[in-house]
Amino acid sequence: MVSDLVTSSTAADPRLLRAYRRLLRAYPPGPRRDELLDTLVESAPPGRRRPRLREMVNLLWHGSRARLGRPKSRGIVVLTLLVAVAGGCLGAGVANWVGWHAVEPLPTGAEAAEISETVFPGLTVWGGGEAARVVSQSDGEGIEYGYAVSWVKHTAATRDVAAYTAGVRARLEAAGWTVTGVDPPLDQTNVVDADPADRSESFTATRGRLGLRFNDYYWAGRPAYDGDGNATYYLWQEPPSWLLTVTWLGFLPGAFLAWLLTGWASRRLEPNPGITAPVAVGAVLAVLCVVPATLLALSSDGRADETAAPSWQGLAFSLRTPAVLFGLLAALLLFLAAVQRPPRRLPQWQRQATRGLDLARRRPVAAVALAAVTSLLTGLGLYALVTQQLLPGSCTPAVPSGIVDPPSARTSDKARVFIDRQATEDQRNLAQAAIWRGMGGSPEFAGDPRAPGFLSAYCSHGRVDSEVAERLPSHWSVELTSPGLFRGLAAEMMAMPGVVAVQHVPD
């Protein structure tokens, strides 16, 4: 056999021989490679220099089936390819996350102060600070670059909207910014009962990868508690050009790792046909967790406004939940593969390493049920469920006082405003109006101690005694447009009667 192979190989064109050998690497190492090489060389017509396309596809297809431990299965290669695509998508998401963390953060310190002084010279500026790289849009329809909002209360100068906006543009251009777009003046032609004195002007500018949007709103005739508008600027960091390349380079190692793990699991499960079908269904579900979400991200350009980002630029953000589901399913399936009896061809020490899991191997259905129930109970938080429902009085509530802004809430867009339970309805209405003035959007009031979510402001687990709960302050949950707005909100709220605390809530 060897002498025949040497003779055939010598007679064949060296280029054809090298091509066949590369293709035969799809098969597992062993004598089968030599046998196939001999057959292919003998059947090749004289003068052929490269394999035919049909031969290439056939060798790769059957070689992959052999590699995956199921040479008689036609579906294993398709399933493995799908899992590899899902793994590649997750790999791209991980690379995207790493790439975003290499992007410079928003300006802070002296650089941020220089921008604020250019836009609002001589005024007290609230907001600014840090922001997440990518955030969800407020309507939940897409993602956008994380941005920091800075604002000032109106003065006589800022109420002259056109003149002040023109001055801001001139100062920014002198500081090296390029104005990229100017919005048309406010048009309220079709607005019922519109005040003709209302004014609004906006424009966008860039400097390097920094983007800036300026807005000046003046609503004449509004009552003092509602406020007559403000002047703001949004600042965000656009990603570098190399982020797309880094993101999709991460696809390759993710796909390769998923292929290897799927092949290993397939070979482990091959002696046990009864467990193969449930595992295959689980693998398909895992793929469905990731691939549609990735395709949806790729199909969206997200360009609703200046800060909105194409969804692929925030792929790591878009795939957070699908990645968790995929990871749980993958861990369960790999566990089932690990507990199977090792093939006899493995070395003795490898067989001994997994022999302690024979009980799970002998009862695979019970193992699946046990793993599923364990995962479910873990996800629901069994401990929190028991303590919250079965142990009244197990929590002693901690009532915040004053301004509470812990370091862990630095990039959080969530806040709470606490108001004394004895506050009058007018005081509550004035406080809620102040939340809007302080750039705290979408406040949700919780005043009933029995309502869902009321006690979560005081206890992360356990239950509060009903008499104690009745005396706790009511509170608003507030969504901040950007994390740095908390300081301005706190200053606005602590001046209101009845307000006892303003808390920046960590993510």
Protein backbone atom coordinates (compact mmCIF):
# COMPACT_ATOMS: atom_id res chain seq x y z
CA MET A 1 0.00 0.00 0.00
CA VAL A 2 2.75 2.45 0.96
CA SER A 3 4.79 1.61 -2.15
CA ASP A 4 1.74 2.09 -4.36
CA LEU A 5 1.05 5.42 -2.70
CA VAL A 6 4.63 6.54 -3.24
CA THR A 7 4.45 5.54 -6.91
CA SER A 8 1.10 7.29 -7.43
CA SER A 9 2.26 10.38 -5.59
CA THR A 10 5.44 10.53 -7.65
CA ALA A 11 3.46 10.34 -10.88
CA ALA A 12 0.90 12.98 -9.90
CA ASP A 13 1.40 16.68 -10.45
CA PRO A 14 2.99 18.14 -7.25
CA ARG A 15 0.45 20.98 -7.17
CA LEU A 16 -2.46 18.53 -7.27
CA LEU A 17 -0.84 16.44 -4.56
CA ARG A 18 -0.37 19.46 -2.27
CA ALA A 19 -3.98 20.56 -2.82
CA TYR A 20 -5.33 17.08 -1.96
CA ARG A 21 -3.22 16.93 1.19
CA ARG A 22 -4.53 20.31 2.34
CA LEU A 23 -8.13 19.21 1.76
CA LEU A 24 -7.60 15.90 3.56
CA ARG A 25 -6.68 17.77 6.73
CA ALA A 26 -10.44 18.07 7.21
CA TYR A 27 -10.34 14.36 8.20
CA PRO A 28 -9.08 13.22 11.59
CA PRO A 29 -5.42 12.10 11.64
CA GLY A 30 -4.96 8.43 10.78
CA PRO A 31 -4.52 5.94 7.95
CA ARG A 32 -7.79 7.06 6.35
CA ARG A 33 -6.03 10.14 5.01
CA ASP A 34 -3.42 8.07 3.20
CA GLU A 35 -6.04 5.74 1.77
CA LEU A 36 -8.08 8.63 0.42
CA LEU A 37 -5.02 10.36 -1.01
CA ASP A 38 -4.06 7.18 -2.83
CA THR A 39 -7.58 6.82 -4.25
CA LEU A 40 -7.81 10.46 -5.34
CA VAL A 41 -4.41 10.43 -7.05
CA GLU A 42 -5.11 7.19 -8.87
CA SER A 43 -8.48 8.40 -10.16
CA ALA A 44 -7.21 11.80 -11.30
CA PRO A 45 -6.78 12.02 -15.08
CA PRO A 46 -3.28 12.78 -16.40
CA GLY A 47 -2.35 16.43 -16.44
CA ARG A 48 -4.79 17.63 -13.74
CA ARG A 49 -3.22 20.36 -11.60
CA ARG A 50 -5.98 21.14 -9.08
CA PRO A 51 -9.02 19.37 -7.62
CA ARG A 52 -12.45 19.97 -9.09
CA LEU A 53 -14.90 22.10 -7.10
CA ARG A 54 -17.17 19.12 -6.52
CA GLU A 55 -14.24 17.15 -5.08
CA MET A 56 -13.29 20.00 -2.77
CA VAL A 57 -16.83 20.38 -1.39
CA ASN A 58 -17.19 16.60 -0.99
CA LEU A 59 -13.92 16.21 0.91
CA LEU A 60 -14.59 19.12 3.22
CA TRP A 61 -18.17 17.98 3.89
CA HIS A 62 -17.37 14.35 4.69
CA GLY A 63 -14.16 15.30 6.48
CA SER A 64 -16.09 17.60 8.78
CA ARG A 65 -18.60 14.85 9.54
CA ALA A 66 -15.73 12.52 10.43
CA ARG A 67 -14.06 15.20 12.53
CA LEU A 68 -17.29 15.74 14.45
CA GLY A 69 -17.48 12.04 15.29
CA ARG A 70 -20.59 11.37 13.20
CA PRO A 71 -19.54 10.29 9.68
CA LYS A 72 -23.07 8.99 8.95
CA SER A 73 -24.87 12.21 9.97
CA ARG A 74 -25.73 14.86 7.40
CA GLY A 75 -27.11 17.44 9.81
CA ILE A 76 -24.15 17.64 12.18
CA VAL A 77 -22.10 19.84 9.85
CA VAL A 78 -25.00 22.28 9.34
CA LEU A 79 -25.68 22.44 13.08
CA THR A 80 -22.01 22.98 13.87
CA LEU A 81 -21.78 25.74 11.28
CA LEU A 82 -24.79 27.50 12.84
CA VAL A 83 -23.29 27.23 16.31
CA ALA A 84 -20.00 28.55 14.92
CA VAL A 85 -21.82 31.54 13.42
CA ALA A 86 -23.46 32.23 16.78
CA GLY A 87 -20.10 31.89 18.53
CA GLY A 88 -18.59 34.24 15.98
CA CYS A 89 -21.28 36.83 16.66
CA LEU A 90 -20.52 36.65 20.38
CA GLY A 91 -16.80 36.90 19.63
CA ALA A 92 -17.51 40.04 17.60
CA GLY A 93 -19.52 41.40 20.53
CA VAL A 94 -16.64 40.79 22.93
CA ALA A 95 -14.20 42.50 20.55
CA ASN A 96 -16.63 45.41 20.22
CA TRP A 97 -16.73 45.75 24.01
CA VAL A 98 -12.93 45.73 24.21
CA GLY A 99 -12.71 48.29 21.39
CA TRP A 100 -15.14 50.67 23.08
CA HIS A 101 -13.10 50.55 26.29
CA ALA A 102 -10.07 51.67 24.32
CA VAL A 103 -11.94 54.81 23.18
CA GLU A 104 -11.12 57.97 25.07
CA PRO A 105 -13.76 58.99 27.65
CA LEU A 106 -15.59 62.29 27.50
CA PRO A 107 -13.60 65.34 28.59
CA THR A 108 -13.37 66.00 32.30
CA GLY A 109 -11.56 68.49 34.50
CA ALA A 110 -9.89 71.42 32.77
CA GLU A 111 -10.88 70.31 29.25
CA ALA A 112 -14.56 70.05 30.21
CA ALA A 113 -14.39 73.40 32.01
CA GLU A 114 -12.87 75.00 28.89
CA ILE A 115 -15.81 73.78 26.74
CA SER A 116 -18.39 74.98 29.28
CA GLU A 117 -16.71 78.38 29.54
CA THR A 118 -16.73 78.66 25.74
CA VAL A 119 -20.44 77.84 25.50
CA PHE A 120 -21.67 79.51 28.70
CA PRO A 121 -19.09 82.15 29.74
CA GLY A 122 -19.61 83.41 33.26
CA LEU A 123 -22.69 81.26 34.01
CA THR A 124 -23.24 78.48 36.56
CA VAL A 125 -23.26 75.26 34.54
CA TRP A 126 -24.93 72.09 35.80
CA GLY A 127 -24.38 68.59 34.45
CA GLY A 128 -21.45 67.35 32.40
CA GLY A 129 -19.42 64.49 33.84
CA GLU A 130 -19.02 60.97 32.52
CA ALA A 131 -21.33 58.78 30.46
CA ALA A 132 -21.52 55.19 29.28
CA ARG A 133 -20.03 54.55 25.84
CA VAL A 134 -23.31 53.29 24.38
CA VAL A 135 -26.82 53.55 25.85
CA SER A 136 -30.34 52.54 24.86
CA GLN A 137 -32.50 55.21 23.29
CA SER A 138 -35.30 56.47 25.51
CA ASP A 139 -37.96 54.90 23.27
CA GLY A 140 -36.17 51.54 23.31
CA GLU A 141 -36.00 51.47 19.51
CA GLY A 142 -32.22 51.58 19.17
CA ILE A 143 -28.93 52.61 20.70
CA GLU A 144 -26.95 55.82 20.76
CA TYR A 145 -23.58 57.10 21.86
CA GLY A 146 -23.52 57.89 25.56
CA TYR A 147 -23.60 61.65 26.08
CA ALA A 148 -23.24 64.20 28.87
CA VAL A 149 -25.68 67.08 29.13
CA SER A 150 -24.68 70.50 30.51
CA TRP A 151 -27.24 73.25 31.10
CA VAL A 152 -27.84 76.68 32.57
CA LYS A 153 -30.91 78.43 33.92
CA HIS A 154 -32.13 81.25 31.77
CA THR A 155 -30.70 84.74 32.14
CA ALA A 156 -31.55 87.89 30.24
CA ALA A 157 -28.79 86.99 27.77
CA THR A 158 -29.89 83.42 27.09
CA ARG A 159 -33.54 84.48 26.67
CA ASP A 160 -32.43 86.43 23.59
CA VAL A 161 -32.27 83.10 21.81
CA ALA A 162 -31.08 84.13 18.35
CA ALA A 163 -28.33 86.47 19.56
CA TYR A 164 -27.04 84.09 22.23
CA THR A 165 -27.01 81.10 19.87
CA ALA A 166 -25.08 83.09 17.25
CA GLY A 167 -22.55 84.04 19.94
CA VAL A 168 -22.10 80.40 20.99
CA ARG A 169 -21.45 79.38 17.37
CA ALA A 170 -18.86 82.13 16.94
CA ARG A 171 -17.05 81.22 20.17
CA LEU A 172 -16.95 77.51 19.30
CA GLU A 173 -15.62 78.16 15.80
CA ALA A 174 -12.90 80.36 17.29
CA ALA A 175 -12.00 77.46 19.64
CA GLY A 176 -11.51 75.03 16.73
CA TRP A 177 -14.98 73.54 16.40
CA THR A 178 -16.66 73.03 13.02
CA VAL A 179 -20.39 73.75 12.82
CA THR A 180 -21.94 70.88 10.86
CA GLY A 181 -25.63 71.77 10.93
CA VAL A 182 -28.01 74.54 11.98
CA ASP A 183 -31.68 73.80 12.72
CA PRO A 184 -34.32 76.15 11.34
CA PRO A 185 -35.99 78.53 13.82
CA LEU A 186 -38.99 77.31 15.80
CA ASP A 187 -42.14 77.09 13.64
CA GLN A 188 -45.45 76.93 15.56
CA THR A 189 -47.72 77.82 12.68
CA ASN A 190 -49.94 74.79 13.22
CA VAL A 191 -49.73 74.76 17.04
CA VAL A 192 -52.97 75.61 18.84
CA ASP A 193 -52.69 78.48 21.35
CA ALA A 194 -48.99 78.89 20.61
CA ASP A 195 -47.26 81.88 22.20
CA PRO A 196 -45.65 83.97 19.44
CA ALA A 197 -42.86 84.93 21.85
CA ASP A 198 -41.61 81.31 22.17
CA ARG A 199 -38.17 80.76 20.69
CA SER A 200 -35.90 77.78 20.02
CA GLU A 201 -32.61 77.44 18.13
CA SER A 202 -30.17 74.52 17.84
CA PHE A 203 -27.02 73.52 15.98
CA THR A 204 -24.38 70.77 15.96
CA ALA A 205 -20.60 70.98 15.83
CA THR A 206 -17.60 68.65 15.91
CA ARG A 207 -13.96 68.83 16.99
CA GLY A 208 -11.97 65.68 16.31
CA ARG A 209 -14.17 62.78 17.43
CA LEU A 210 -16.14 64.94 19.85
CA GLY A 211 -19.68 65.86 18.86
CA LEU A 212 -21.65 68.75 20.39
CA ARG A 213 -25.26 69.83 20.07
CA PHE A 214 -26.42 73.18 21.44
CA ASN A 215 -30.08 74.01 22.23
CA ASP A 216 -31.64 77.19 23.57
CA TYR A 217 -35.35 76.97 24.44
CA TYR A 218 -37.38 79.94 25.69
CA TRP A 219 -41.06 79.43 26.53
CA ALA A 220 -42.53 82.87 27.26
CA GLY A 221 -45.48 83.19 29.60
CA ARG A 222 -45.02 79.92 31.47
CA PRO A 223 -45.54 80.02 35.25
CA ALA A 224 -42.43 80.22 37.38
CA TYR A 225 -42.81 76.73 38.83
CA ASP A 226 -42.73 75.22 35.32
CA GLY A 227 -39.74 77.29 34.24
CA ASP A 228 -39.33 79.17 30.98
CA GLY A 229 -36.83 76.79 29.40
CA ASN A 230 -33.05 76.61 29.50
CA ALA A 231 -29.93 76.47 27.36
CA THR A 232 -28.10 73.15 27.04
CA TYR A 233 -25.36 71.39 25.16
CA TYR A 234 -24.88 67.66 24.63
CA LEU A 235 -21.39 66.22 24.31
CA TRP A 236 -20.59 62.73 22.98
CA GLN A 237 -17.61 60.77 21.70
CA GLU A 238 -17.88 59.15 18.28
CA PRO A 239 -16.00 55.84 17.81
CA PRO A 240 -12.74 55.62 15.87
CA SER A 241 -12.69 54.22 12.33
CA TRP A 242 -10.89 51.05 13.44
CA LEU A 243 -13.76 49.89 15.70
CA LEU A 244 -15.57 48.11 12.84
CA THR A 245 -12.42 46.17 11.92
CA VAL A 246 -11.74 45.16 15.51
CA THR A 247 -15.36 44.10 15.99
CA TRP A 248 -15.44 41.71 13.06
CA LEU A 249 -11.94 40.38 13.65
CA GLY A 250 -13.40 39.04 16.88
CA PHE A 251 -15.78 36.89 14.81
CA LEU A 252 -13.02 34.46 13.80
CA PRO A 253 -11.79 33.28 17.25
CA GLY A 254 -15.38 33.12 18.51
CA ALA A 255 -16.46 30.93 15.60
CA PHE A 256 -13.38 28.72 15.90
CA LEU A 257 -13.91 28.15 19.63
CA ALA A 258 -17.61 27.36 19.09
CA TRP A 259 -16.69 24.87 16.34
CA LEU A 260 -14.16 23.11 18.57
CA LEU A 261 -16.54 22.87 21.52
CA THR A 262 -19.38 21.60 19.33
CA GLY A 263 -17.11 18.96 17.82
CA TRP A 264 -15.96 17.85 21.26
CA ALA A 265 -19.56 17.64 22.51
CA SER A 266 -20.62 15.72 19.40
CA ARG A 267 -17.91 13.10 19.87
CA ARG A 268 -18.75 12.75 23.57
CA LEU A 269 -22.45 12.26 22.89
CA GLU A 270 -22.09 9.92 19.90
CA PRO A 271 -22.26 6.69 22.01
CA ASN A 272 -25.56 7.85 23.59
CA PRO A 273 -28.17 8.47 20.83
CA GLY A 274 -30.95 9.04 23.39
CA ILE A 275 -29.47 12.32 24.59
CA THR A 276 -28.35 13.58 21.17
CA ALA A 277 -31.76 14.88 20.04
CA PRO A 278 -32.44 17.00 23.18
CA VAL A 279 -28.93 18.44 22.98
CA ALA A 280 -29.40 19.28 19.30
CA VAL A 281 -32.65 21.09 20.12
CA GLY A 282 -30.84 23.01 22.86
CA ALA A 283 -28.09 23.97 20.43
CA VAL A 284 -30.65 25.29 17.94
CA LEU A 285 -32.29 27.36 20.70
CA ALA A 286 -28.88 28.75 21.65
CA VAL A 287 -28.31 29.79 18.04
CA LEU A 288 -31.72 31.45 17.93
CA CYS A 289 -30.79 33.49 20.99
CA VAL A 290 -27.89 35.16 19.22
CA VAL A 291 -28.06 35.14 15.42
CA PRO A 292 -31.41 36.97 14.94
CA ALA A 293 -30.35 39.65 17.43
CA THR A 294 -27.10 40.14 15.51
CA LEU A 295 -28.88 40.35 12.14
CA LEU A 296 -31.32 42.87 13.61
CA ALA A 297 -28.40 44.99 14.84
CA LEU A 298 -26.74 44.87 11.42
CA SER A 299 -29.93 45.84 9.59
CA SER A 300 -30.42 49.04 11.62
CA ASP A 301 -28.50 52.22 10.89
CA GLY A 302 -29.98 53.97 13.94
CA ARG A 303 -29.56 57.46 12.49
CA ALA A 304 -32.47 59.16 14.21
CA ASP A 305 -30.35 62.14 15.35
CA GLU A 306 -26.75 63.16 15.86
CA THR A 307 -26.06 60.96 18.88
CA ALA A 308 -27.76 57.84 17.50
CA ALA A 309 -25.30 55.11 16.53
CA PRO A 310 -25.51 52.37 13.89
CA SER A 311 -26.45 49.31 15.91
CA TRP A 312 -23.38 47.34 14.86
CA GLN A 313 -21.20 49.93 16.58
CA GLY A 314 -22.85 48.96 19.86
CA LEU A 315 -22.95 45.22 19.13
CA ALA A 316 -21.71 44.37 22.63
CA PHE A 317 -24.62 46.36 24.08
CA SER A 318 -27.18 44.77 21.73
CA LEU A 319 -26.04 41.21 22.52
CA ARG A 320 -25.90 41.42 26.32
CA THR A 321 -29.15 39.55 26.99
CA PRO A 322 -28.79 37.05 24.09
CA ALA A 323 -25.25 36.30 25.27
CA VAL A 324 -26.48 35.42 28.78
CA LEU A 325 -29.14 33.07 27.39
CA PHE A 326 -26.65 31.49 24.99
CA GLY A 327 -24.13 31.04 27.80
CA LEU A 328 -26.64 29.30 30.08
CA LEU A 329 -27.73 26.90 27.34
CA ALA A 330 -24.15 26.25 26.25
CA ALA A 331 -23.07 25.52 29.83
CA LEU A 332 -25.93 23.06 30.25
CA LEU A 333 -25.17 21.25 26.98
CA LEU A 334 -21.43 21.06 27.67
CA PHE A 335 -22.19 19.71 31.13
CA LEU A 336 -24.31 16.93 29.60
CA ALA A 337 -21.49 16.13 27.18
CA ALA A 338 -18.93 16.08 30.00
CA VAL A 339 -20.85 13.52 32.06
CA GLN A 340 -21.00 10.95 29.28
CA ARG A 341 -18.80 7.87 29.62
CA PRO A 342 -15.44 8.60 28.00
CA PRO A 343 -14.73 6.57 24.85
CA ARG A 344 -12.43 3.63 25.45
CA ARG A 345 -9.80 5.08 23.16
CA LEU A 346 -9.07 7.90 25.64
CA PRO A 347 -6.10 7.52 28.00
CA GLN A 348 -6.82 5.95 31.36
CA TRP A 349 -6.35 9.19 33.33
CA GLN A 350 -8.96 11.01 31.21
CA ARG A 351 -11.50 8.23 31.70
CA GLN A 352 -10.91 8.31 35.46
CA ALA A 353 -11.37 12.10 35.53
CA THR A 354 -15.04 11.85 34.50
CA ARG A 355 -16.01 8.48 35.94
CA GLY A 356 -17.36 10.16 39.08
CA LEU A 357 -20.23 11.58 37.00
CA ASP A 358 -21.55 8.16 35.95
CA LEU A 359 -24.80 8.69 37.85
CA ALA A 360 -25.72 11.65 35.66
CA ARG A 361 -24.69 9.68 32.58
CA ARG A 362 -26.96 6.76 33.45
CA ARG A 363 -29.94 9.09 33.94
CA PRO A 364 -29.54 11.85 31.32
CA VAL A 365 -33.18 12.96 31.50
CA ALA A 366 -32.91 13.44 35.25
CA ALA A 367 -29.65 15.35 34.74
CA VAL A 368 -31.33 17.68 32.25
CA ALA A 369 -34.28 18.26 34.59
CA LEU A 370 -32.03 18.87 37.58
CA ALA A 371 -29.82 21.33 35.70
CA ALA A 372 -32.85 23.18 34.31
CA VAL A 373 -34.53 23.47 37.70
CA THR A 374 -31.29 24.62 39.32
CA SER A 375 -30.79 27.29 36.66
CA LEU A 376 -34.38 28.50 37.04
CA LEU A 377 -34.16 28.78 40.80
CA THR A 378 -30.85 30.59 40.52
CA GLY A 379 -32.27 33.04 37.99
CA LEU A 380 -35.29 33.86 40.12
CA GLY A 381 -33.17 34.36 43.19
CA LEU A 382 -34.53 31.75 45.58
CA TYR A 383 -33.05 33.43 48.62
CA ALA A 384 -34.59 36.83 47.80
CA LEU A 385 -37.93 35.19 47.01
CA VAL A 386 -38.13 33.45 50.37
CA THR A 387 -37.01 36.41 52.46
CA GLN A 388 -39.31 38.88 50.75
CA GLN A 389 -42.43 36.73 50.87
CA LEU A 390 -42.08 34.71 54.06
CA LEU A 391 -40.30 36.87 56.61
CA PRO A 392 -42.19 40.10 57.43
CA GLY A 393 -40.09 42.56 59.40
CA SER A 394 -36.85 40.95 58.21
CA CYS A 395 -35.65 44.30 56.87
CA THR A 396 -34.97 47.47 58.85
CA PRO A 397 -35.40 50.27 56.28
CA ALA A 398 -32.66 52.87 55.92
CA VAL A 399 -34.14 56.29 55.09
CA PRO A 400 -31.68 58.51 53.18
CA SER A 401 -31.15 62.12 54.21
CA GLY A 402 -29.86 65.08 52.22
CA ILE A 403 -27.92 64.50 48.99
CA VAL A 404 -26.70 60.91 48.55
CA ASP A 405 -24.29 60.49 45.64
CA PRO A 406 -22.06 57.39 46.12
CA PRO A 407 -19.08 56.74 43.80
CA SER A 408 -20.76 53.57 42.54
CA ALA A 409 -23.47 55.74 40.90
CA ARG A 410 -20.98 57.77 38.87
CA THR A 411 -22.33 56.60 35.49
CA SER A 412 -25.90 55.83 36.57
CA ASP A 413 -28.88 57.61 35.00
CA LYS A 414 -31.24 56.71 37.87
CA ALA A 415 -32.18 58.87 40.85
CA ARG A 416 -34.81 59.03 43.59
CA VAL A 417 -36.37 62.07 45.24
CA PHE A 418 -37.84 61.48 48.72
CA ILE A 419 -40.58 63.70 50.11
CA ASP A 420 -42.06 63.70 53.60
CA ARG A 421 -45.29 61.73 53.89
CA GLN A 422 -46.88 64.75 55.61
CA ALA A 423 -46.19 67.02 52.61
CA THR A 424 -49.27 68.67 51.13
CA GLU A 425 -50.54 68.04 47.62
CA ASP A 426 -49.34 71.49 46.54
CA GLN A 427 -45.85 70.72 47.85
CA ARG A 428 -45.81 67.43 45.93
CA ASN A 429 -46.91 69.20 42.73
CA LEU A 430 -44.22 71.87 43.14
CA ALA A 431 -41.61 69.19 43.77
CA GLN A 432 -42.62 67.30 40.64
CA ALA A 433 -42.41 70.50 38.59
CA ALA A 434 -38.91 71.05 40.04
CA ILE A 435 -37.90 67.57 38.84
CA TRP A 436 -38.69 68.60 35.28
CA ARG A 437 -36.87 71.92 35.73
CA GLY A 438 -33.85 70.03 37.02
CA MET A 439 -33.67 67.94 33.79
CA GLY A 440 -35.04 64.84 35.50
CA GLY A 441 -37.34 63.25 32.93
CA SER A 442 -40.06 60.60 33.36
CA PRO A 443 -40.59 60.77 37.16
CA GLU A 444 -42.71 57.94 38.61
CA PHE A 445 -44.31 58.62 41.99
CA ALA A 446 -44.58 55.88 44.64
CA GLY A 447 -46.74 56.87 47.59
CA ASP A 448 -48.58 53.67 48.56
CA PRO A 449 -46.45 51.43 50.84
CA ARG A 450 -48.33 48.40 49.52
CA ALA A 451 -47.64 49.20 45.86
CA PRO A 452 -45.01 47.16 43.99
CA GLY A 453 -41.66 48.91 43.97
CA PHE A 454 -42.28 51.24 46.90
CA LEU A 455 -40.16 49.31 49.42
CA SER A 456 -37.34 48.57 46.95
CA ALA A 457 -36.03 52.06 47.72
CA TYR A 458 -35.44 50.98 51.31
CA CYS A 459 -34.71 47.24 51.25
CA SER A 460 -32.99 45.09 48.66
CA HIS A 461 -34.38 41.95 50.34
CA GLY A 462 -36.58 41.05 53.24
CA ARG A 463 -39.92 42.59 54.20
CA VAL A 464 -40.72 45.74 56.16
CA ASP A 465 -43.25 45.68 58.97
CA SER A 466 -46.51 47.29 57.73
CA GLU A 467 -46.64 49.88 60.54
CA VAL A 468 -43.08 50.98 59.78
CA ALA A 469 -43.81 51.14 56.05
CA GLU A 470 -46.72 53.52 56.60
CA ARG A 471 -44.31 56.11 58.05
CA LEU A 472 -41.70 55.97 55.29
CA PRO A 473 -41.33 58.97 52.91
CA SER A 474 -42.92 58.78 49.49
CA HIS A 475 -40.54 59.02 46.55
CA TRP A 476 -40.15 59.58 42.82
CA SER A 477 -38.01 57.38 40.59
CA VAL A 478 -36.31 59.64 38.06
CA GLU A 479 -34.58 58.85 34.75
CA LEU A 480 -31.72 61.29 34.18
CA THR A 481 -30.89 62.24 30.60
CA SER A 482 -27.23 61.82 31.54
CA PRO A 483 -25.52 60.85 34.83
CA GLY A 484 -23.92 64.26 35.45
CA LEU A 485 -27.32 65.93 35.74
CA PHE A 486 -27.76 64.56 39.26
CA ARG A 487 -25.99 67.48 40.93
CA GLY A 488 -28.26 70.05 39.29
CA LEU A 489 -31.33 67.98 40.12
CA ALA A 490 -30.23 67.69 43.76
CA ALA A 491 -29.63 71.43 44.07
CA GLU A 492 -33.06 72.16 42.59
CA MET A 493 -34.90 69.63 44.75
CA MET A 494 -33.32 70.32 48.14
CA ALA A 495 -34.67 73.87 47.92
CA MET A 496 -38.24 72.54 47.75
CA PRO A 497 -40.38 72.29 50.92
CA GLY A 498 -41.03 68.74 52.10
CA VAL A 499 -38.15 67.12 50.19
CA VAL A 500 -35.97 65.13 52.60
CA ALA A 501 -33.42 63.48 50.31
CA VAL A 502 -32.18 63.14 46.73
CA GLN A 503 -30.39 59.87 45.99
CA HIS A 504 -28.23 58.87 43.02
CA VAL A 505 -29.03 55.18 42.52
CA PRO A 506 -26.19 52.87 41.36
CA ASP A 507 -26.84 50.74 38.27
